Amino acid sequence: MSYKLTLDIPFNAFSVLSQNPTEFGKELLEAALCKWYELGRISQSKAAEIANISRYEFIEVMKKHNVSPFQYTLEELDKEFIL
């Protein structure tokens, strides 16, 4: 089952980004999924499922949006690598 979501986006938004509505919608979804992953609200697997792509492809999307695939803080990394 899926739901169709309708958003009212001003027409000039598409021209500013040089995208058609389909491309804009795809990028909007990718950006939202990346942000939710970055905030720890969803996993990579869940994001990939929502986007209907593989986990590997979602990692590539994160790369495009400058989002790290790792969810560690500096403090957590320090604890992991204490000698």
PDB file of N, CA and C in Angstrom:
ATOM      1  N   MET A   1       0.835  -1.174   0.000  1.00  0.00           N
ATOM      2  CA  MET A   1       0.000   0.000   0.000  1.00  0.00           C
ATOM      3  C   MET A   1       0.883   1.242   0.000  1.00  0.00           C
ATOM      4  N   SER A   2       0.451   2.249  -0.684  1.00  0.00           N
ATOM      5  CA  SER A   2       1.180   3.508  -0.675  1.00  0.00           C
ATOM      6  C   SER A   2       0.179   4.658  -0.665  1.00  0.00           C
ATOM      7  N   TYR A   3       0.660   5.817  -0.305  1.00  0.00           N
ATOM      8  CA  TYR A   3      -0.145   7.025  -0.265  1.00  0.00           C
ATOM      9  C   TYR A   3       0.439   8.045  -1.217  1.00  0.00           C
ATOM     10  N   LYS A   4      -0.426   8.805  -1.835  1.00  0.00           N
ATOM     11  CA  LYS A   4       0.026   9.897  -2.698  1.00  0.00           C
ATOM     12  C   LYS A   4      -0.062  11.175  -1.881  1.00  0.00           C
ATOM     13  N   LEU A   5       1.019  11.909  -1.834  1.00  0.00           N
ATOM     14  CA  LEU A   5       1.104  13.153  -1.082  1.00  0.00           C
ATOM     15  C   LEU A   5       1.110  14.311  -2.063  1.00  0.00           C
ATOM     16  N   THR A   6       0.280  15.304  -1.813  1.00  0.00           N
ATOM     17  CA  THR A   6       0.203  16.467  -2.686  1.00  0.00           C
ATOM     18  C   THR A   6       0.731  17.683  -1.953  1.00  0.00           C
ATOM     19  N   LEU A   7       1.644  18.409  -2.586  1.00  0.00           N
ATOM     20  CA  LEU A   7       2.209  19.631  -2.016  1.00  0.00           C
ATOM     21  C   LEU A   7       1.957  20.786  -2.970  1.00  0.00           C
ATOM     22  N   ASP A   8       1.672  21.938  -2.421  1.00  0.00           N
ATOM     23  CA  ASP A   8       1.540  23.140  -3.236  1.00  0.00           C
ATOM     24  C   ASP A   8       2.893  23.840  -3.275  1.00  0.00           C
ATOM     25  N   ILE A   9       3.555  23.746  -4.426  1.00  0.00           N
ATOM     26  CA  ILE A   9       4.879  24.329  -4.617  1.00  0.00           C
ATOM     27  C   ILE A   9       4.748  25.410  -5.691  1.00  0.00           C
ATOM     28  N   PRO A  10       5.232  26.614  -5.429  1.00  0.00           N
ATOM     29  CA  PRO A  10       5.158  27.648  -6.462  1.00  0.00           C
ATOM     30  C   PRO A  10       5.885  27.207  -7.741  1.00  0.00           C
ATOM     31  N   PHE A  11       5.318  27.537  -8.879  1.00  0.00           N
ATOM     32  CA  PHE A  11       5.887  27.126 -10.156  1.00  0.00           C
ATOM     33  C   PHE A  11       7.330  27.576 -10.327  1.00  0.00           C
ATOM     34  N   ASN A  12       7.668  28.772  -9.817  1.00  0.00           N
ATOM     35  CA  ASN A  12       9.033  29.275 -10.005  1.00  0.00           C
ATOM     36  C   ASN A  12      10.074  28.482  -9.220  1.00  0.00           C
ATOM     37  N   ALA A  13       9.658  27.671  -8.270  1.00  0.00           N
ATOM     38  CA  ALA A  13      10.607  26.829  -7.528  1.00  0.00           C
ATOM     39  C   ALA A  13      11.303  25.851  -8.466  1.00  0.00           C
ATOM     40  N   PHE A  14      10.588  25.371  -9.455  1.00  0.00           N
ATOM     41  CA  PHE A  14      11.174  24.415 -10.396  1.00  0.00           C
ATOM     42  C   PHE A  14      12.213  25.083 -11.288  1.00  0.00           C
ATOM     43  N   SER A  15      11.923  26.287 -11.722  1.00  0.00           N
ATOM     44  CA  SER A  15      12.868  26.971 -12.608  1.00  0.00           C
ATOM     45  C   SER A  15      14.119  27.406 -11.861  1.00  0.00           C
ATOM     46  N   VAL A  16      13.989  27.774 -10.591  1.00  0.00           N
ATOM     47  CA  VAL A  16      15.152  28.181  -9.793  1.00  0.00           C
ATOM     48  C   VAL A  16      16.148  27.034  -9.700  1.00  0.00           C
ATOM     49  N   LEU A  17      15.655  25.825  -9.535  1.00  0.00           N
ATOM     50  CA  LEU A  17      16.529  24.660  -9.415  1.00  0.00           C
ATOM     51  C   LEU A  17      16.777  23.966 -10.749  1.00  0.00           C
ATOM     52  N   SER A  18      16.233  24.527 -11.819  1.00  0.00           N
ATOM     53  CA  SER A  18      16.367  23.939 -13.164  1.00  0.00           C
ATOM     54  C   SER A  18      15.928  22.479 -13.181  1.00  0.00           C
ATOM     55  N   GLN A  19      14.757  22.229 -12.584  1.00  0.00           N
ATOM     56  CA  GLN A  19      14.233  20.865 -12.529  1.00  0.00           C
ATOM     57  C   GLN A  19      12.770  20.865 -12.939  1.00  0.00           C
ATOM     58  N   ASN A  20      12.350  19.739 -13.470  1.00  0.00           N
ATOM     59  CA  ASN A  20      10.924  19.572 -13.718  1.00  0.00           C
ATOM     60  C   ASN A  20      10.278  19.057 -12.425  1.00  0.00           C
ATOM     61  N   PRO A  21       8.957  19.050 -12.316  1.00  0.00           N
ATOM     62  CA  PRO A  21       8.306  18.630 -11.075  1.00  0.00           C
ATOM     63  C   PRO A  21       8.689  17.223 -10.610  1.00  0.00           C
ATOM     64  N   THR A  22       8.898  16.305 -11.531  1.00  0.00           N
ATOM     65  CA  THR A  22       9.276  14.936 -11.144  1.00  0.00           C
ATOM     66  C   THR A  22      10.657  14.924 -10.498  1.00  0.00           C
ATOM     67  N   GLU A  23      11.620  15.589 -11.113  1.00  0.00           N
ATOM     68  CA  GLU A  23      12.977  15.666 -10.544  1.00  0.00           C
ATOM     69  C   GLU A  23      12.956  16.373  -9.195  1.00  0.00           C
ATOM     70  N   PHE A  24      12.190  17.453  -9.105  1.00  0.00           N
ATOM     71  CA  PHE A  24      12.079  18.210  -7.857  1.00  0.00           C
ATOM     72  C   PHE A  24      11.529  17.320  -6.745  1.00  0.00           C
ATOM     73  N   GLY A  25      10.470  16.570  -7.045  1.00  0.00           N
ATOM     74  CA  GLY A  25       9.872  15.673  -6.056  1.00  0.00           C
ATOM     75  C   GLY A  25      10.840  14.606  -5.585  1.00  0.00           C
ATOM     76  N   LYS A  26      11.608  14.049  -6.529  1.00  0.00           N
ATOM     77  CA  LYS A  26      12.598  13.019  -6.173  1.00  0.00           C
ATOM     78  C   LYS A  26      13.665  13.610  -5.261  1.00  0.00           C
ATOM     79  N   GLU A  27      14.168  14.799  -5.603  1.00  0.00           N
ATOM     80  CA  GLU A  27      15.209  15.421  -4.780  1.00  0.00           C
ATOM     81  C   GLU A  27      14.676  15.820  -3.412  1.00  0.00           C
ATOM     82  N   LEU A  28      13.435  16.269  -3.365  1.00  0.00           N
ATOM     83  CA  LEU A  28      12.806  16.633  -2.098  1.00  0.00           C
ATOM     84  C   LEU A  28      12.705  15.412  -1.183  1.00  0.00           C
ATOM     85  N   LEU A  29      12.275  14.278  -1.738  1.00  0.00           N
ATOM     86  CA  LEU A  29      12.192  13.038  -0.961  1.00  0.00           C
ATOM     87  C   LEU A  29      13.572  12.601  -0.490  1.00  0.00           C
ATOM     88  N   GLU A  30      14.560  12.636  -1.377  1.00  0.00           N
ATOM     89  CA  GLU A  30      15.926  12.247  -1.002  1.00  0.00           C
ATOM     90  C   GLU A  30      16.457  13.129   0.125  1.00  0.00           C
ATOM     91  N   ALA A  31      16.234  14.428   0.028  1.00  0.00           N
ATOM     92  CA  ALA A  31      16.721  15.357   1.056  1.00  0.00           C
ATOM     93  C   ALA A  31      16.053  15.067   2.398  1.00  0.00           C
ATOM     94  N   ALA A  32      14.757  14.810   2.375  1.00  0.00           N
ATOM     95  CA  ALA A  32      14.034  14.501   3.621  1.00  0.00           C
ATOM     96  C   ALA A  32      14.560  13.208   4.233  1.00  0.00           C
ATOM     97  N   LEU A  33      14.743  12.189   3.417  1.00  0.00           N
ATOM     98  CA  LEU A  33      15.239  10.908   3.929  1.00  0.00           C
ATOM     99  C   LEU A  33      16.644  11.045   4.497  1.00  0.00           C
ATOM    100  N   CYS A  34      17.493  11.806   3.821  1.00  0.00           N
ATOM    101  CA  CYS A  34      18.854  12.031   4.325  1.00  0.00           C
ATOM    102  C   CYS A  34      18.813  12.738   5.675  1.00  0.00           C
ATOM    103  N   LYS A  35      17.979  13.749   5.793  1.00  0.00           N
ATOM    104  CA  LYS A  35      17.895  14.497   7.050  1.00  0.00           C
ATOM    105  C   LYS A  35      17.352  13.611   8.163  1.00  0.00           C
ATOM    106  N   TRP A  36      16.323  12.828   7.882  1.00  0.00           N
ATOM    107  CA  TRP A  36      15.767  11.934   8.902  1.00  0.00           C
ATOM    108  C   TRP A  36      16.794  10.892   9.329  1.00  0.00           C
ATOM    109  N   TYR A  37      17.589  10.393   8.375  1.00  0.00           N
ATOM    110  CA  TYR A  37      18.657   9.457   8.729  1.00  0.00           C
ATOM    111  C   TYR A  37      19.689  10.159   9.601  1.00  0.00           C
ATOM    112  N   GLU A  38      20.085  11.356   9.196  1.00  0.00           N
ATOM    113  CA  GLU A  38      21.094  12.130   9.928  1.00  0.00           C
ATOM    114  C   GLU A  38      20.634  12.392  11.368  1.00  0.00           C
ATOM    115  N   LEU A  39      19.345  12.602  11.565  1.00  0.00           N
ATOM    116  CA  LEU A  39      18.787  12.842  12.903  1.00  0.00           C
ATOM    117  C   LEU A  39      18.553  11.557  13.686  1.00  0.00           C
ATOM    118  N   GLY A  40      18.781  10.410  13.030  1.00  0.00           N
ATOM    119  CA  GLY A  40      18.598   9.134  13.713  1.00  0.00           C
ATOM    120  C   GLY A  40      17.148   8.687  13.785  1.00  0.00           C
ATOM    121  N   ARG A  41      16.289   9.265  12.976  1.00  0.00           N
ATOM    122  CA  ARG A  41      14.864   8.925  13.012  1.00  0.00           C
ATOM    123  C   ARG A  41      14.539   7.692  12.191  1.00  0.00           C
ATOM    124  N   ILE A  42      15.355   7.410  11.164  1.00  0.00           N
ATOM    125  CA  ILE A  42      15.156   6.216  10.346  1.00  0.00           C
ATOM    126  C   ILE A  42      16.513   5.594  10.038  1.00  0.00           C
ATOM    127  N   SER A  43      16.494   4.331   9.685  1.00  0.00           N
ATOM    128  CA  SER A  43      17.726   3.624   9.313  1.00  0.00           C
ATOM    129  C   SER A  43      17.984   3.785   7.816  1.00  0.00           C
ATOM    130  N   GLN A  44      19.180   3.401   7.404  1.00  0.00           N
ATOM    131  CA  GLN A  44      19.501   3.407   5.980  1.00  0.00           C
ATOM    132  C   GLN A  44      18.565   2.471   5.222  1.00  0.00           C
ATOM    133  N   SER A  45      18.303   1.321   5.801  1.00  0.00           N
ATOM    134  CA  SER A  45      17.427   0.343   5.146  1.00  0.00           C
ATOM    135  C   SER A  45      16.023   0.882   4.965  1.00  0.00           C
ATOM    136  N   LYS A  46      15.483   1.541   5.999  1.00  0.00           N
ATOM    137  CA  LYS A  46      14.138   2.090   5.927  1.00  0.00           C
ATOM    138  C   LYS A  46      14.086   3.224   4.909  1.00  0.00           C
ATOM    139  N   ALA A  47      15.112   4.072   4.888  1.00  0.00           N
ATOM    140  CA  ALA A  47      15.165   5.164   3.920  1.00  0.00           C
ATOM    141  C   ALA A  47      15.187   4.610   2.500  1.00  0.00           C
ATOM    142  N   ALA A  48      15.992   3.587   2.280  1.00  0.00           N
ATOM    143  CA  ALA A  48      16.069   2.966   0.957  1.00  0.00           C
ATOM    144  C   ALA A  48      14.720   2.359   0.569  1.00  0.00           C
ATOM    145  N   GLU A  49      14.064   1.742   1.527  1.00  0.00           N
ATOM    146  CA  GLU A  49      12.745   1.156   1.268  1.00  0.00           C
ATOM    147  C   GLU A  49      11.739   2.236   0.863  1.00  0.00           C
ATOM    148  N   ILE A  50      11.726   3.347   1.598  1.00  0.00           N
ATOM    149  CA  ILE A  50      10.800   4.440   1.290  1.00  0.00           C
ATOM    150  C   ILE A  50      11.083   5.012  -0.100  1.00  0.00           C
ATOM    151  N   ALA A  51      12.352   5.140  -0.449  1.00  0.00           N
ATOM    152  CA  ALA A  51      12.741   5.687  -1.754  1.00  0.00           C
ATOM    153  C   ALA A  51      12.631   4.656  -2.877  1.00  0.00           C
ATOM    154  N   ASN A  52      12.365   3.407  -2.497  1.00  0.00           N
ATOM    155  CA  ASN A  52      12.279   2.313  -3.463  1.00  0.00           C
ATOM    156  C   ASN A  52      13.585   2.129  -4.237  1.00  0.00           C
ATOM    157  N   ILE A  53      14.700   2.171  -3.473  1.00  0.00           N
ATOM    158  CA  ILE A  53      16.032   1.953  -4.035  1.00  0.00           C
ATOM    159  C   ILE A  53      16.771   0.987  -3.117  1.00  0.00           C
ATOM    160  N   SER A  54      17.938   0.535  -3.538  1.00  0.00           N
ATOM    161  CA  SER A  54      18.745  -0.349  -2.692  1.00  0.00           C
ATOM    162  C   SER A  54      19.453   0.471  -1.612  1.00  0.00           C
ATOM    163  N   ARG A  55      19.932  -0.214  -0.594  1.00  0.00           N
ATOM    164  CA  ARG A  55      20.678   0.474   0.463  1.00  0.00           C
ATOM    165  C   ARG A  55      21.947   1.098  -0.117  1.00  0.00           C
ATOM    166  N   TYR A  56      22.598   0.397  -1.011  1.00  0.00           N
ATOM    167  CA  TYR A  56      23.786   0.940  -1.670  1.00  0.00           C
ATOM    168  C   TYR A  56      23.441   2.244  -2.390  1.00  0.00           C
ATOM    169  N   GLU A  57      22.314   2.259  -3.104  1.00  0.00           N
ATOM    170  CA  GLU A  57      21.905   3.471  -3.813  1.00  0.00           C
ATOM    171  C   GLU A  57      21.608   4.607  -2.824  1.00  0.00           C
ATOM    172  N   PHE A  58      21.032   4.261  -1.654  1.00  0.00           N
ATOM    173  CA  PHE A  58      20.774   5.301  -0.666  1.00  0.00           C
ATOM    174  C   PHE A  58      22.084   5.873  -0.125  1.00  0.00           C
ATOM    175  N   ILE A  59      23.092   5.044   0.040  1.00  0.00           N
ATOM    176  CA  ILE A  59      24.401   5.546   0.469  1.00  0.00           C
ATOM    177  C   ILE A  59      24.945   6.525  -0.569  1.00  0.00           C
ATOM    178  N   GLU A  60      24.727   6.244  -1.834  1.00  0.00           N
ATOM    179  CA  GLU A  60      25.131   7.176  -2.896  1.00  0.00           C
ATOM    180  C   GLU A  60      24.336   8.484  -2.815  1.00  0.00           C
ATOM    181  N   VAL A  61      23.060   8.401  -2.480  1.00  0.00           N
ATOM    182  CA  VAL A  61      22.228   9.594  -2.299  1.00  0.00           C
ATOM    183  C   VAL A  61      22.762  10.423  -1.133  1.00  0.00           C
ATOM    184  N   MET A  62      23.133   9.749  -0.030  1.00  0.00           N
ATOM    185  CA  MET A  62      23.696  10.464   1.121  1.00  0.00           C
ATOM    186  C   MET A  62      24.983  11.182   0.718  1.00  0.00           C
ATOM    187  N   LYS A  63      25.787  10.526  -0.083  1.00  0.00           N
ATOM    188  CA  LYS A  63      27.033  11.136  -0.564  1.00  0.00           C
ATOM    189  C   LYS A  63      26.724  12.409  -1.346  1.00  0.00           C
ATOM    190  N   LYS A  64      25.718  12.345  -2.209  1.00  0.00           N
ATOM    191  CA  LYS A  64      25.315  13.500  -3.011  1.00  0.00           C
ATOM    192  C   LYS A  64      24.849  14.663  -2.124  1.00  0.00           C
ATOM    193  N   HIS A  65      24.253  14.335  -0.976  1.00  0.00           N
ATOM    194  CA  HIS A  65      23.734  15.354  -0.054  1.00  0.00           C
ATOM    195  C   HIS A  65      24.692  15.646   1.106  1.00  0.00           C
ATOM    196  N   ASN A  66      25.928  15.170   0.995  1.00  0.00           N
ATOM    197  CA  ASN A  66      26.964  15.403   2.015  1.00  0.00           C
ATOM    198  C   ASN A  66      26.544  14.936   3.404  1.00  0.00           C
ATOM    199  N   VAL A  67      25.925  13.762   3.470  1.00  0.00           N
ATOM    200  CA  VAL A  67      25.511  13.160   4.742  1.00  0.00           C
ATOM    201  C   VAL A  67      26.368  11.928   4.973  1.00  0.00           C
ATOM    202  N   SER A  68      26.956  11.839   6.140  1.00  0.00           N
ATOM    203  CA  SER A  68      27.796  10.692   6.475  1.00  0.00           C
ATOM    204  C   SER A  68      26.947   9.440   6.675  1.00  0.00           C
ATOM    205  N   PRO A  69      27.401   8.300   6.170  1.00  0.00           N
ATOM    206  CA  PRO A  69      26.671   7.056   6.410  1.00  0.00           C
ATOM    207  C   PRO A  69      26.894   6.507   7.816  1.00  0.00           C
ATOM    208  N   PHE A  70      27.749   7.154   8.582  1.00  0.00           N
ATOM    209  CA  PHE A  70      28.062   6.703   9.934  1.00  0.00           C
ATOM    210  C   PHE A  70      27.343   7.576  10.950  1.00  0.00           C
ATOM    211  N   GLN A  71      26.761   6.953  11.958  1.00  0.00           N
ATOM    212  CA  GLN A  71      26.023   7.705  12.977  1.00  0.00           C
ATOM    213  C   GLN A  71      26.752   7.639  14.318  1.00  0.00           C
ATOM    214  N   TYR A  72      27.952   8.146  14.341  1.00  0.00           N
ATOM    215  CA  TYR A  72      28.748   8.184  15.567  1.00  0.00           C
ATOM    216  C   TYR A  72      29.093   9.625  15.901  1.00  0.00           C
ATOM    217  N   THR A  73      29.055   9.954  17.179  1.00  0.00           N
ATOM    218  CA  THR A  73      29.533  11.266  17.620  1.00  0.00           C
ATOM    219  C   THR A  73      31.032  11.161  17.844  1.00  0.00           C
ATOM    220  N   LEU A  74      31.706  12.279  17.969  1.00  0.00           N
ATOM    221  CA  LEU A  74      33.143  12.266  18.259  1.00  0.00           C
ATOM    222  C   LEU A  74      33.421  11.565  19.582  1.00  0.00           C
ATOM    223  N   GLU A  75      32.556  11.763  20.565  1.00  0.00           N
ATOM    224  CA  GLU A  75      32.736  11.126  21.872  1.00  0.00           C
ATOM    225  C   GLU A  75      32.633   9.601  21.753  1.00  0.00           C
ATOM    226  N   GLU A  76      31.683   9.133  20.948  1.00  0.00           N
ATOM    227  CA  GLU A  76      31.535   7.688  20.760  1.00  0.00           C
ATOM    228  C   GLU A  76      32.752   7.104  20.053  1.00  0.00           C
ATOM    229  N   LEU A  77      33.280   7.824  19.080  1.00  0.00           N
ATOM    230  CA  LEU A  77      34.466   7.350  18.379  1.00  0.00           C
ATOM    231  C   LEU A  77      35.670   7.319  19.320  1.00  0.00           C
ATOM    232  N   ASP A  78      35.803   8.337  20.169  1.00  0.00           N
ATOM    233  CA  ASP A  78      36.894   8.362  21.153  1.00  0.00           C
ATOM    234  C   ASP A  78      36.833   7.130  22.042  1.00  0.00           C
ATOM    235  N   LYS A  79      35.662   6.773  22.499  1.00  0.00           N
ATOM    236  CA  LYS A  79      35.493   5.597  23.361  1.00  0.00           C
ATOM    237  C   LYS A  79      35.852   4.301  22.631  1.00  0.00           C
ATOM    238  N   GLU A  80      35.513   4.242  21.357  1.00  0.00           N
ATOM    239  CA  GLU A  80      35.803   3.057  20.560  1.00  0.00           C
ATOM    240  C   GLU A  80      37.288   2.851  20.327  1.00  0.00           C
ATOM    241  N   PHE A  81      38.022   3.955  20.209  1.00  0.00           N
ATOM    242  CA  PHE A  81      39.435   3.868  19.817  1.00  0.00           C
ATOM    243  C   PHE A  81      40.408   4.208  20.927  1.00  0.00           C
ATOM    244  N   ILE A  82      39.976   4.152  22.161  1.00  0.00           N
ATOM    245  CA  ILE A  82      40.893   4.389  23.284  1.00  0.00           C
ATOM    246  C   ILE A  82      41.856   3.210  23.347  1.00  0.00           C
ATOM    247  N   LEU A  83      43.126   3.526  23.382  1.00  0.00           N
ATOM    248  CA  LEU A  83      44.158   2.462  23.400  1.00  0.00           C
ATOM    249  C   LEU A  83      44.521   2.097  24.814  1.00  0.00           C
TER     250      LEU A  83
END
